[in-house]
Amino acid sequence: MPNDPALSASQNNASPDYAGLVSFLLEPFLEDPQTLSIHCEQVASTKKLWLRVAFDTNDKGKVFGRGGRNIKAIRTVLKTAAANVNQHIHLDIYGNEDLSSKEKSFNGDAPRGREGRKGSRDSDRRRGSRERPSKPNRPIINS
């Protein structure tokens, strides 16, 4: 394919469809893709973009993935697409929480980690009151 200056100039001025790209990347992880909300904001004076994404909080684990692998890969794809047109992008993620889930977390119905669960192994163990061993006395050598 020949290097046409008009073609390359038009490609540089065109900005990728970030909303479409994020939608394409996130929808497979969502139970209900209709809950996905995307807002893209570009600062006119700079080449910075803010991409705000919201979805149901029940899908948060799938979207983020184990150790954040999925969301890290999505951010990498977005940053690469933006770098190709000399732009910088920042992805913010929000959850759409309903009132009932907020009430549950404030009332203490949700588990709070290992210490909050009944019958956990750590709560059954008793820790001894052992003292830390003292450090051995070593001569200080000054050089």
C-alpha atoms as a PDB file:
ATOM      1  CA  MET A   1       0.000   0.000   0.000  1.00  0.00           C
ATOM      2  CA  PRO A   2       1.600   3.305  -1.035  1.00  0.00           C
ATOM      3  CA  ASN A   3       2.146   6.071   1.500  1.00  0.00           C
ATOM      4  CA  ASP A   4      -0.469   8.625   0.520  1.00  0.00           C
ATOM      5  CA  PRO A   5       0.044  11.887   2.489  1.00  0.00           C
ATOM      6  CA  ALA A   6      -3.659  12.745   2.306  1.00  0.00           C
ATOM      7  CA  LEU A   7      -4.605   9.335   3.691  1.00  0.00           C
ATOM      8  CA  SER A   8      -2.124   9.513   6.576  1.00  0.00           C
ATOM      9  CA  ALA A   9      -3.226  13.060   7.447  1.00  0.00           C
ATOM     10  CA  SER A  10      -6.852  12.003   7.615  1.00  0.00           C
ATOM     11  CA  GLN A  11      -5.947   9.072   9.854  1.00  0.00           C
ATOM     12  CA  ASN A  12      -4.055  11.343  12.268  1.00  0.00           C
ATOM     13  CA  ASN A  13      -6.992  13.749  12.607  1.00  0.00           C
ATOM     14  CA  ALA A  14      -9.505  10.962  13.202  1.00  0.00           C
ATOM     15  CA  SER A  15      -9.983   9.951  16.809  1.00  0.00           C
ATOM     16  CA  PRO A  16     -10.822   6.324  17.618  1.00  0.00           C
ATOM     17  CA  ASP A  17     -14.335   5.485  18.753  1.00  0.00           C
ATOM     18  CA  TYR A  18     -13.422   4.978  22.408  1.00  0.00           C
ATOM     19  CA  ALA A  19     -17.016   4.433  23.523  1.00  0.00           C
ATOM     20  CA  GLY A  20     -17.452   1.692  20.935  1.00  0.00           C
ATOM     21  CA  LEU A  21     -14.126   0.122  21.855  1.00  0.00           C
ATOM     22  CA  VAL A  22     -14.925   0.084  25.583  1.00  0.00           C
ATOM     23  CA  SER A  23     -18.380  -1.300  24.872  1.00  0.00           C
ATOM     24  CA  PHE A  24     -16.842  -4.055  22.734  1.00  0.00           C
ATOM     25  CA  LEU A  25     -14.322  -4.935  25.450  1.00  0.00           C
ATOM     26  CA  LEU A  26     -16.653  -4.796  28.489  1.00  0.00           C
ATOM     27  CA  GLU A  27     -19.949  -6.268  27.264  1.00  0.00           C
ATOM     28  CA  PRO A  28     -18.764  -9.923  27.330  1.00  0.00           C
ATOM     29  CA  PHE A  29     -18.143  -9.583  31.084  1.00  0.00           C
ATOM     30  CA  LEU A  30     -21.563  -8.101  31.921  1.00  0.00           C
ATOM     31  CA  GLU A  31     -24.681 -10.085  32.836  1.00  0.00           C
ATOM     32  CA  ASP A  32     -26.866  -7.272  31.478  1.00  0.00           C
ATOM     33  CA  PRO A  33     -25.047  -5.145  28.853  1.00  0.00           C
ATOM     34  CA  GLN A  34     -27.884  -2.580  29.062  1.00  0.00           C
ATOM     35  CA  THR A  35     -26.484  -1.420  32.428  1.00  0.00           C
ATOM     36  CA  LEU A  36     -23.280  -0.216  30.747  1.00  0.00           C
ATOM     37  CA  SER A  37     -23.007   3.561  30.671  1.00  0.00           C
ATOM     38  CA  ILE A  38     -20.094   5.280  28.907  1.00  0.00           C
ATOM     39  CA  HIS A  39     -19.186   8.974  28.947  1.00  0.00           C
ATOM     40  CA  CYS A  40     -16.187  10.315  27.033  1.00  0.00           C
ATOM     41  CA  GLU A  41     -14.854  13.808  27.713  1.00  0.00           C
ATOM     42  CA  GLN A  42     -12.042  15.440  25.763  1.00  0.00           C
ATOM     43  CA  VAL A  43     -10.230  18.571  26.866  1.00  0.00           C
ATOM     44  CA  ALA A  44     -10.020  20.861  23.839  1.00  0.00           C
ATOM     45  CA  SER A  45      -6.718  22.535  24.692  1.00  0.00           C
ATOM     46  CA  THR A  46      -4.878  19.270  25.374  1.00  0.00           C
ATOM     47  CA  LYS A  47      -4.938  15.811  23.925  1.00  0.00           C
ATOM     48  CA  LYS A  48      -6.260  14.248  27.124  1.00  0.00           C
ATOM     49  CA  LEU A  49      -9.417  12.153  27.316  1.00  0.00           C
ATOM     50  CA  TRP A  50     -11.408  11.038  30.323  1.00  0.00           C
ATOM     51  CA  LEU A  51     -13.504   7.955  29.809  1.00  0.00           C
ATOM     52  CA  ARG A  52     -16.074   7.255  32.524  1.00  0.00           C
ATOM     53  CA  VAL A  53     -17.692   3.840  32.629  1.00  0.00           C
ATOM     54  CA  ALA A  54     -20.485   2.655  34.923  1.00  0.00           C
ATOM     55  CA  PHE A  55     -22.113  -0.765  35.203  1.00  0.00           C
ATOM     56  CA  ASP A  56     -23.899  -2.932  37.753  1.00  0.00           C
ATOM     57  CA  THR A  57     -21.727  -3.624  40.807  1.00  0.00           C
ATOM     58  CA  ASN A  58     -22.561  -7.337  40.610  1.00  0.00           C
ATOM     59  CA  ASP A  59     -20.374  -7.519  37.482  1.00  0.00           C
ATOM     60  CA  LYS A  60     -17.424  -5.751  39.076  1.00  0.00           C
ATOM     61  CA  GLY A  61     -15.544  -8.969  39.833  1.00  0.00           C
ATOM     62  CA  LYS A  62     -15.822 -10.233  36.275  1.00  0.00           C
ATOM     63  CA  VAL A  63     -14.811  -6.918  34.736  1.00  0.00           C
ATOM     64  CA  PHE A  64     -11.789  -6.465  36.986  1.00  0.00           C
ATOM     65  CA  GLY A  65     -10.755 -10.118  36.886  1.00  0.00           C
ATOM     66  CA  ARG A  66      -8.426 -11.923  39.234  1.00  0.00           C
ATOM     67  CA  GLY A  67      -5.860  -9.473  40.499  1.00  0.00           C
ATOM     68  CA  GLY A  68      -7.194  -6.797  38.141  1.00  0.00           C
ATOM     69  CA  ARG A  69      -5.936  -8.574  35.025  1.00  0.00           C
ATOM     70  CA  ASN A  70      -8.981  -7.876  32.852  1.00  0.00           C
ATOM     71  CA  ILE A  71      -9.222  -4.175  33.609  1.00  0.00           C
ATOM     72  CA  LYS A  72      -5.466  -3.782  33.222  1.00  0.00           C
ATOM     73  CA  ALA A  73      -5.665  -5.341  29.748  1.00  0.00           C
ATOM     74  CA  ILE A  74      -8.589  -3.075  28.809  1.00  0.00           C
ATOM     75  CA  ARG A  75      -6.648  -0.009  29.959  1.00  0.00           C
ATOM     76  CA  THR A  76      -3.634  -1.154  27.929  1.00  0.00           C
ATOM     77  CA  VAL A  77      -5.744  -1.473  24.773  1.00  0.00           C
ATOM     78  CA  LEU A  78      -7.238   1.994  25.329  1.00  0.00           C
ATOM     79  CA  LYS A  79      -3.866   3.605  26.005  1.00  0.00           C
ATOM     80  CA  THR A  80      -2.410   1.979  22.888  1.00  0.00           C
ATOM     81  CA  ALA A  81      -5.297   3.209  20.739  1.00  0.00           C
ATOM     82  CA  ALA A  82      -4.876   6.709  22.164  1.00  0.00           C
ATOM     83  CA  ALA A  83      -1.099   6.680  21.725  1.00  0.00           C
ATOM     84  CA  ASN A  84      -1.530   5.886  18.014  1.00  0.00           C
ATOM     85  CA  VAL A  85      -3.196   9.298  17.551  1.00  0.00           C
ATOM     86  CA  ASN A  86      -0.974  11.130  20.080  1.00  0.00           C
ATOM     87  CA  GLN A  87      -3.608  11.290  22.817  1.00  0.00           C
ATOM     88  CA  HIS A  88      -3.628  10.341  26.499  1.00  0.00           C
ATOM     89  CA  ILE A  89      -6.610   8.551  28.025  1.00  0.00           C
ATOM     90  CA  HIS A  90      -7.723   7.973  31.599  1.00  0.00           C
ATOM     91  CA  LEU A  91     -10.380   5.377  32.459  1.00  0.00           C
ATOM     92  CA  ASP A  92     -12.602   5.902  35.518  1.00  0.00           C
ATOM     93  CA  ILE A  93     -14.930   3.101  36.611  1.00  0.00           C
ATOM     94  CA  TYR A  94     -18.084   3.627  38.631  1.00  0.00           C
ATOM     95  CA  GLY A  95     -20.678   1.164  39.898  1.00  0.00           C
ATOM     96  CA  ASN A  96     -24.442   1.493  39.688  1.00  0.00           C
ATOM     97  CA  GLU A  97     -25.469   0.535  43.218  1.00  0.00           C
ATOM     98  CA  ASP A  98     -29.074   0.242  44.224  1.00  0.00           C
ATOM     99  CA  LEU A  99     -30.258   1.399  47.640  1.00  0.00           C
ATOM    100  CA  SER A 100     -30.886  -2.112  48.959  1.00  0.00           C
ATOM    101  CA  SER A 101     -27.248  -3.152  48.562  1.00  0.00           C
ATOM    102  CA  LYS A 102     -26.100   0.017  50.361  1.00  0.00           C
ATOM    103  CA  GLU A 103     -28.454  -0.685  53.250  1.00  0.00           C
ATOM    104  CA  LYS A 104     -27.121  -4.225  53.584  1.00  0.00           C
ATOM    105  CA  SER A 105     -23.538  -3.077  53.836  1.00  0.00           C
ATOM    106  CA  PHE A 106     -24.370  -0.455  56.483  1.00  0.00           C
ATOM    107  CA  ASN A 107     -26.489  -2.830  58.570  1.00  0.00           C
ATOM    108  CA  GLY A 108     -23.662  -5.329  58.848  1.00  0.00           C
ATOM    109  CA  ASP A 109     -25.372  -8.120  56.902  1.00  0.00           C
ATOM    110  CA  ALA A 110     -22.435  -8.534  54.538  1.00  0.00           C
ATOM    111  CA  PRO A 111     -19.371 -10.517  55.631  1.00  0.00           C
ATOM    112  CA  ARG A 112     -16.404  -8.365  56.608  1.00  0.00           C
ATOM    113  CA  GLY A 113     -13.472 -10.585  55.800  1.00  0.00           C
ATOM    114  CA  ARG A 114     -11.890 -13.290  57.893  1.00  0.00           C
ATOM    115  CA  GLU A 115     -12.429 -11.704  61.282  1.00  0.00           C
ATOM    116  CA  GLY A 116     -16.146 -11.116  60.739  1.00  0.00           C
ATOM    117  CA  ARG A 117     -17.048 -14.667  59.741  1.00  0.00           C
ATOM    118  CA  LYS A 118     -18.298 -17.167  62.266  1.00  0.00           C
ATOM    119  CA  GLY A 119     -16.358 -20.376  62.636  1.00  0.00           C
ATOM    120  CA  SER A 120     -13.247 -19.186  60.882  1.00  0.00           C
ATOM    121  CA  ARG A 121     -10.080 -21.009  61.748  1.00  0.00           C
ATOM    122  CA  ASP A 122      -8.353 -17.861  62.970  1.00  0.00           C
ATOM    123  CA  SER A 123     -11.029 -17.121  65.559  1.00  0.00           C
ATOM    124  CA  ASP A 124     -10.696 -20.630  67.053  1.00  0.00           C
ATOM    125  CA  ARG A 125      -6.941 -20.369  67.534  1.00  0.00           C
ATOM    126  CA  ARG A 126      -5.447 -18.802  70.588  1.00  0.00           C
ATOM    127  CA  ARG A 127      -2.277 -16.911  70.178  1.00  0.00           C
ATOM    128  CA  GLY A 128       0.347 -17.414  72.817  1.00  0.00           C
ATOM    129  CA  SER A 129       1.965 -14.459  74.475  1.00  0.00           C
ATOM    130  CA  ARG A 130       5.476 -15.307  73.394  1.00  0.00           C
ATOM    131  CA  GLU A 131       8.085 -12.639  73.603  1.00  0.00           C
ATOM    132  CA  ARG A 132      10.277 -11.860  70.669  1.00  0.00           C
ATOM    133  CA  PRO A 133      13.688 -13.481  70.911  1.00  0.00           C
ATOM    134  CA  SER A 134      16.425 -11.077  71.813  1.00  0.00           C
ATOM    135  CA  LYS A 135      19.078 -10.229  69.289  1.00  0.00           C
ATOM    136  CA  PRO A 136      22.449 -11.827  69.911  1.00  0.00           C
ATOM    137  CA  ASN A 137      25.091  -9.492  71.248  1.00  0.00           C
ATOM    138  CA  ARG A 138      27.588  -8.903  68.504  1.00  0.00           C
ATOM    139  CA  PRO A 139      30.635  -6.718  68.762  1.00  0.00           C
ATOM    140  CA  ILE A 140      30.411  -3.510  66.776  1.00  0.00           C
ATOM    141  CA  ILE A 141      33.353  -3.160  64.465  1.00  0.00           C
ATOM    142  CA  ASN A 142      34.193   0.367  63.423  1.00  0.00           C
ATOM    143  CA  SER A 143      36.351   0.803  60.388  1.00  0.00           C
END
